[in-house]
Amino acid sequence: MLTLVDQDNGTVVARVSGEDVTLDVHSSGTGPTLLLLHGVEGREANASFISALSERFHVLAPSHPGFGLSPRPDWCDSVEDLAYLYLEWLEKLDLRDVIVVGLQFGGWVAAEMAVRDSSRLRRLALVDPLGIKVGGREERDIADVFAMSRAELNSRLFADPECGPGDLTQAPREDVMHIARNEEALALYAWEPYLHNPRLRRWLTRIDVPTLVTWGDQDGIASVDYGRAYAESIPNARFEVIDHAGHQAQVEQPTILAKLIAEHAV
């Protein structure tokens, strides 16, 4: 069942219920359907990016179960669960030729979707995605986001740390709780093994839709070389580096990134 509720700010929120799953979904724009899978930052931080995409696409941007306002059923505790959940959602809504855009953690989810079933996908775009192992067993591919200060985290997430949420001791309690809930959900889904699926890189060869992988040139969470290896693991994937951007390029360069995705979607 899909229920649309008009909000005071003019956006539309869709609450999609099926069995014991409820997703809080932002819907905006007109055009080809684009499924946007957030990272940890959530919808509010990506508002400018969503607005830019909405000029060309009908954007559906759900909060993953456990993130934002989406409750998490007890059985949903792995990235694999999220991938199957979204694939089933596309099927139940009978959405076809969907452009899937995955941001960071959401890029991992999008990749897991595409290796399983791309029959309803037209294009795939991954923005600084996580989820694979590139280096050796003792090498850290992805910075430990759970073991650093907020200041260091912001410096790694953004080329300009001022783009981050700032001093959380001065932030509204609601905003802090929102960030804490998203980070708690990230730990649940991706703590062990840390932010990757040891088998995913092998199966990226199954992705058979045109794929764009973009990377912030100053990503301090996973390097550009990690991103290049990710793209090289996907048949015929296009790799683009975005200047003056960290791990969350959609926050720092929303217009440039939206344009790249629009060109890729043609």
Protein backbone atom coordinates (compact mmCIF):
# COMPACT_ATOMS: atom_id res chain seq x y z
CA MET A 1 0.00 0.00 0.00
CA LEU A 2 1.30 3.47 -0.93
CA THR A 3 -0.13 6.47 0.89
CA LEU A 4 0.87 10.02 -0.03
CA VAL A 5 0.62 12.74 2.59
CA ASP A 6 1.05 16.43 1.71
CA GLN A 7 3.26 18.32 4.12
CA ASP A 8 3.14 21.99 5.11
CA ASN A 9 6.43 22.69 3.33
CA GLY A 10 5.07 21.48 -0.01
CA THR A 11 6.97 18.20 -0.12
CA VAL A 12 5.28 14.85 -0.23
CA VAL A 13 6.02 12.00 2.13
CA ALA A 14 5.05 8.47 1.19
CA ARG A 15 4.68 5.86 3.87
CA VAL A 16 4.97 2.46 2.28
CA SER A 17 3.69 -0.41 4.36
CA GLY A 18 3.92 -4.10 3.61
CA GLU A 19 3.91 -6.87 6.18
CA ASP A 20 5.92 -5.48 9.11
CA VAL A 21 7.92 -2.89 7.15
CA THR A 22 7.22 0.84 7.07
CA LEU A 23 9.44 3.21 5.10
CA ASP A 24 9.38 6.97 5.40
CA VAL A 25 9.91 8.15 1.83
CA HIS A 26 10.39 11.63 0.41
CA SER A 27 8.91 12.02 -3.08
CA SER A 28 9.52 15.03 -5.31
CA GLY A 29 9.92 16.08 -8.93
CA THR A 30 8.66 14.66 -12.20
CA GLY A 31 10.30 12.60 -14.91
CA PRO A 32 12.02 9.21 -14.93
CA THR A 33 11.92 7.43 -11.58
CA LEU A 34 15.08 7.78 -9.51
CA LEU A 35 15.54 5.81 -6.31
CA LEU A 36 17.93 7.65 -3.99
CA LEU A 37 19.50 5.58 -1.22
CA HIS A 38 20.97 7.79 1.50
CA GLY A 39 24.13 7.27 3.46
CA VAL A 40 24.33 8.01 7.18
CA GLU A 41 23.73 11.74 6.72
CA GLY A 42 20.05 11.38 5.84
CA ARG A 43 17.55 13.47 3.92
CA GLU A 44 18.04 16.87 5.54
CA ALA A 45 21.76 17.06 4.73
CA ASN A 46 21.02 16.06 1.13
CA ALA A 47 18.24 18.60 0.57
CA SER A 48 20.11 20.64 -2.06
CA PHE A 49 21.10 17.50 -3.94
CA ILE A 50 17.53 16.17 -3.88
CA SER A 51 16.26 19.53 -5.12
CA ALA A 52 18.74 19.49 -8.03
CA LEU A 53 17.76 15.92 -8.97
CA SER A 54 14.06 16.78 -8.74
CA GLU A 55 14.44 19.21 -11.64
CA ARG A 56 14.91 16.22 -13.96
CA PHE A 57 13.59 13.14 -12.13
CA HIS A 58 10.82 11.83 -9.95
CA VAL A 59 12.92 11.22 -6.86
CA LEU A 60 11.96 8.59 -4.29
CA ALA A 61 14.25 8.91 -1.28
CA PRO A 62 13.48 6.44 1.53
CA SER A 63 15.08 6.40 4.94
CA HIS A 64 16.47 2.91 5.55
CA PRO A 65 14.83 0.97 8.38
CA GLY A 66 16.47 2.21 11.58
CA PHE A 67 17.42 5.55 9.99
CA GLY A 68 15.43 8.77 10.00
CA LEU A 69 11.76 8.11 10.75
CA SER A 70 11.70 4.55 9.41
CA PRO A 71 11.26 1.94 12.16
CA ARG A 72 13.40 -1.18 11.91
CA PRO A 73 11.75 -4.59 12.16
CA ASP A 74 13.76 -7.08 14.23
CA TRP A 75 14.59 -9.28 11.23
CA CYS A 76 16.15 -6.42 9.24
CA ASP A 77 19.76 -6.30 10.42
CA SER A 78 22.02 -6.70 7.38
CA VAL A 79 22.80 -4.88 4.14
CA GLU A 80 21.54 -7.98 2.33
CA ASP A 81 18.15 -7.49 4.03
CA LEU A 82 18.05 -3.88 2.82
CA ALA A 83 18.93 -4.90 -0.74
CA TYR A 84 16.13 -7.47 -0.90
CA LEU A 85 13.71 -5.07 0.77
CA TYR A 86 14.22 -2.42 -1.91
CA LEU A 87 14.11 -4.95 -4.73
CA GLU A 88 10.79 -6.23 -3.42
CA TRP A 89 9.53 -2.67 -3.04
CA LEU A 90 10.30 -1.90 -6.70
CA GLU A 91 8.50 -5.08 -7.67
CA LYS A 92 5.40 -4.39 -5.56
CA LEU A 93 5.12 -0.86 -6.95
CA ASP A 94 5.83 -2.25 -10.44
CA LEU A 95 8.53 0.35 -11.03
CA ARG A 96 10.65 -0.26 -14.13
CA ASP A 97 13.63 1.42 -15.79
CA VAL A 98 14.58 2.90 -12.43
CA ILE A 99 17.73 4.95 -12.00
CA VAL A 100 19.26 3.94 -8.67
CA VAL A 101 21.62 6.38 -6.97
CA GLY A 102 23.44 5.19 -3.86
CA LEU A 103 25.29 7.54 -1.53
CA GLN A 104 28.16 6.09 0.56
CA PHE A 105 26.48 3.41 2.76
CA GLY A 106 23.51 3.65 0.39
CA GLY A 107 25.93 2.98 -2.46
CA TRP A 108 26.83 -0.31 -0.83
CA VAL A 109 23.11 -1.17 -0.61
CA ALA A 110 22.62 -0.19 -4.27
CA ALA A 111 25.52 -2.40 -5.37
CA GLU A 112 24.10 -5.35 -3.42
CA MET A 113 20.77 -4.78 -5.18
CA ALA A 114 22.34 -4.68 -8.63
CA VAL A 115 24.34 -7.89 -8.26
CA ARG A 116 21.17 -9.73 -7.25
CA ASP A 117 18.61 -8.42 -9.74
CA SER A 118 18.97 -5.52 -12.17
CA SER A 119 15.86 -6.32 -14.21
CA ARG A 120 14.02 -3.19 -13.02
CA LEU A 121 17.09 -0.93 -13.16
CA ARG A 122 18.04 1.29 -16.10
CA ARG A 123 21.13 3.00 -14.70
CA LEU A 124 23.19 2.82 -11.54
CA ALA A 125 25.15 5.69 -9.96
CA LEU A 126 27.33 5.13 -6.90
CA VAL A 127 28.67 8.12 -4.97
CA ASP A 128 31.71 7.26 -2.81
CA PRO A 129 30.22 3.81 -2.13
CA LEU A 130 31.49 1.50 0.59
CA GLY A 131 31.07 -2.25 0.82
CA ILE A 132 34.12 -3.95 -0.70
CA LYS A 133 37.58 -5.01 0.44
CA VAL A 134 40.44 -3.73 -1.75
CA GLY A 135 43.65 -4.05 0.30
CA GLY A 136 45.19 -6.96 2.18
CA ARG A 137 43.90 -8.48 5.39
CA GLU A 138 45.94 -6.14 7.61
CA GLU A 139 45.27 -3.01 5.53
CA ARG A 140 42.51 -0.59 6.46
CA ASP A 141 40.59 0.46 3.36
CA ILE A 142 37.96 2.46 5.23
CA ALA A 143 38.65 4.83 8.12
CA ASP A 144 37.19 3.80 11.48
CA VAL A 145 34.41 6.34 11.83
CA PHE A 146 33.47 4.96 15.25
CA ALA A 147 36.89 5.60 16.77
CA MET A 148 37.52 9.27 15.98
CA SER A 149 36.41 12.61 17.33
CA ARG A 150 33.59 14.52 15.71
CA ALA A 151 36.06 17.16 14.53
CA GLU A 152 38.25 14.56 12.82
CA LEU A 153 35.21 12.88 11.31
CA ASN A 154 34.02 16.16 9.79
CA SER A 155 37.49 16.83 8.39
CA ARG A 156 37.40 13.43 6.67
CA LEU A 157 33.81 13.69 5.45
CA PHE A 158 34.18 17.14 3.90
CA ALA A 159 36.77 19.08 1.94
CA ASP A 160 35.39 22.06 3.88
CA PRO A 161 34.54 20.95 7.44
CA GLU A 162 32.17 23.92 7.69
CA CYS A 163 29.79 21.89 5.51
CA GLY A 164 29.33 19.46 8.41
CA PRO A 165 26.81 19.68 11.25
CA GLY A 166 29.20 21.75 13.38
CA ASP A 167 29.44 21.66 17.15
CA LEU A 168 26.77 19.18 18.23
CA THR A 169 26.85 20.51 21.81
CA GLN A 170 25.19 23.63 20.37
CA ALA A 171 22.79 21.81 18.07
CA PRO A 172 19.08 21.23 18.81
CA ARG A 173 18.47 18.02 20.75
CA GLU A 174 16.28 16.66 17.95
CA ASP A 175 19.12 17.02 15.44
CA VAL A 176 21.59 15.30 17.75
CA MET A 177 19.20 12.42 18.38
CA HIS A 178 18.66 12.05 14.63
CA ILE A 179 22.42 11.80 14.01
CA ALA A 180 22.85 9.37 16.91
CA ARG A 181 20.05 7.13 15.64
CA ASN A 182 21.53 6.99 12.13
CA GLU A 183 25.00 6.19 13.45
CA GLU A 184 23.59 3.50 15.74
CA ALA A 185 21.83 1.94 12.74
CA LEU A 186 25.05 2.07 10.73
CA ALA A 187 26.84 0.15 13.48
CA LEU A 188 24.08 -2.46 13.52
CA TYR A 189 24.25 -3.06 9.78
CA ALA A 190 27.97 -2.71 9.19
CA TRP A 191 30.04 -3.29 12.33
CA GLU A 192 31.25 -6.81 11.56
CA PRO A 193 32.82 -7.16 9.09
CA TYR A 194 33.49 -3.44 9.15
CA LEU A 195 31.64 -1.59 6.38
CA HIS A 196 32.10 -4.26 3.74
CA ASN A 197 30.93 -7.61 2.46
CA PRO A 198 33.98 -9.85 1.83
CA ARG A 199 32.20 -11.46 -1.13
CA LEU A 200 30.75 -8.38 -2.83
CA ARG A 201 33.73 -7.39 -4.96
CA ARG A 202 33.77 -10.81 -6.62
CA TRP A 203 30.12 -10.45 -7.62
CA LEU A 204 30.26 -6.88 -8.91
CA THR A 205 30.89 -8.44 -12.32
CA ARG A 206 27.19 -9.37 -12.33
CA ILE A 207 26.17 -5.70 -12.65
CA ASP A 208 24.90 -5.43 -16.22
CA VAL A 209 23.47 -1.90 -16.33
CA PRO A 210 25.48 1.24 -17.22
CA THR A 211 27.17 2.35 -14.01
CA LEU A 212 28.70 5.63 -12.90
CA VAL A 213 31.04 5.72 -9.89
CA THR A 214 31.97 9.16 -8.56
CA TRP A 215 34.50 10.05 -5.88
CA GLY A 216 35.31 13.18 -3.93
CA ASP A 217 38.92 14.14 -4.55
CA GLN A 218 39.42 14.76 -0.82
CA ASP A 219 37.50 11.78 0.55
CA GLY A 220 39.09 11.02 3.92
CA ILE A 221 37.01 7.92 4.64
CA ALA A 222 38.00 5.85 1.59
CA SER A 223 40.63 6.99 -0.89
CA VAL A 224 40.25 7.78 -4.57
CA ASP A 225 42.27 4.62 -5.27
CA TYR A 226 39.64 2.63 -3.38
CA GLY A 227 37.00 4.27 -5.57
CA ARG A 228 38.93 3.52 -8.73
CA ALA A 229 39.23 -0.14 -7.71
CA TYR A 230 35.49 -0.20 -7.06
CA ALA A 231 34.75 1.11 -10.55
CA GLU A 232 37.23 -1.26 -12.18
CA SER A 233 35.39 -4.18 -10.56
CA ILE A 234 32.15 -3.28 -12.39
CA PRO A 235 32.03 -4.08 -16.13
CA ASN A 236 32.42 -0.92 -18.22
CA ALA A 237 31.78 1.41 -15.28
CA ARG A 238 32.61 5.09 -15.72
CA PHE A 239 34.71 6.68 -12.97
CA GLU A 240 34.63 10.41 -12.24
CA VAL A 241 36.51 12.37 -9.56
CA ILE A 242 34.69 15.41 -8.17
CA ASP A 243 36.91 18.32 -7.23
CA HIS A 244 36.62 20.13 -3.90
CA ALA A 245 34.59 17.36 -2.30
CA GLY A 246 35.10 14.90 0.52
CA HIS A 247 33.24 11.67 1.27
CA GLN A 248 29.82 13.28 0.95
CA ALA A 249 30.16 14.94 -2.44
CA GLN A 250 26.40 15.35 -2.70
CA VAL A 251 26.53 17.80 0.22
CA GLU A 252 29.46 19.89 -1.04
CA GLN A 253 28.90 19.73 -4.81
CA PRO A 254 25.18 18.94 -5.25
CA THR A 255 24.73 20.73 -8.59
CA ILE A 256 27.81 19.23 -10.23
CA LEU A 257 26.92 15.74 -9.04
CA ALA A 258 23.28 16.03 -10.09
CA LYS A 259 24.41 17.13 -13.57
CA LEU A 260 26.74 14.12 -13.88
CA ILE A 261 23.91 11.78 -12.92
CA ALA A 262 21.50 13.45 -15.36
CA GLU A 263 24.03 13.01 -18.18
CA HIS A 264 24.56 9.39 -17.17
CA ALA A 265 20.83 8.73 -17.17
CA VAL A 266 20.37 9.66 -20.83
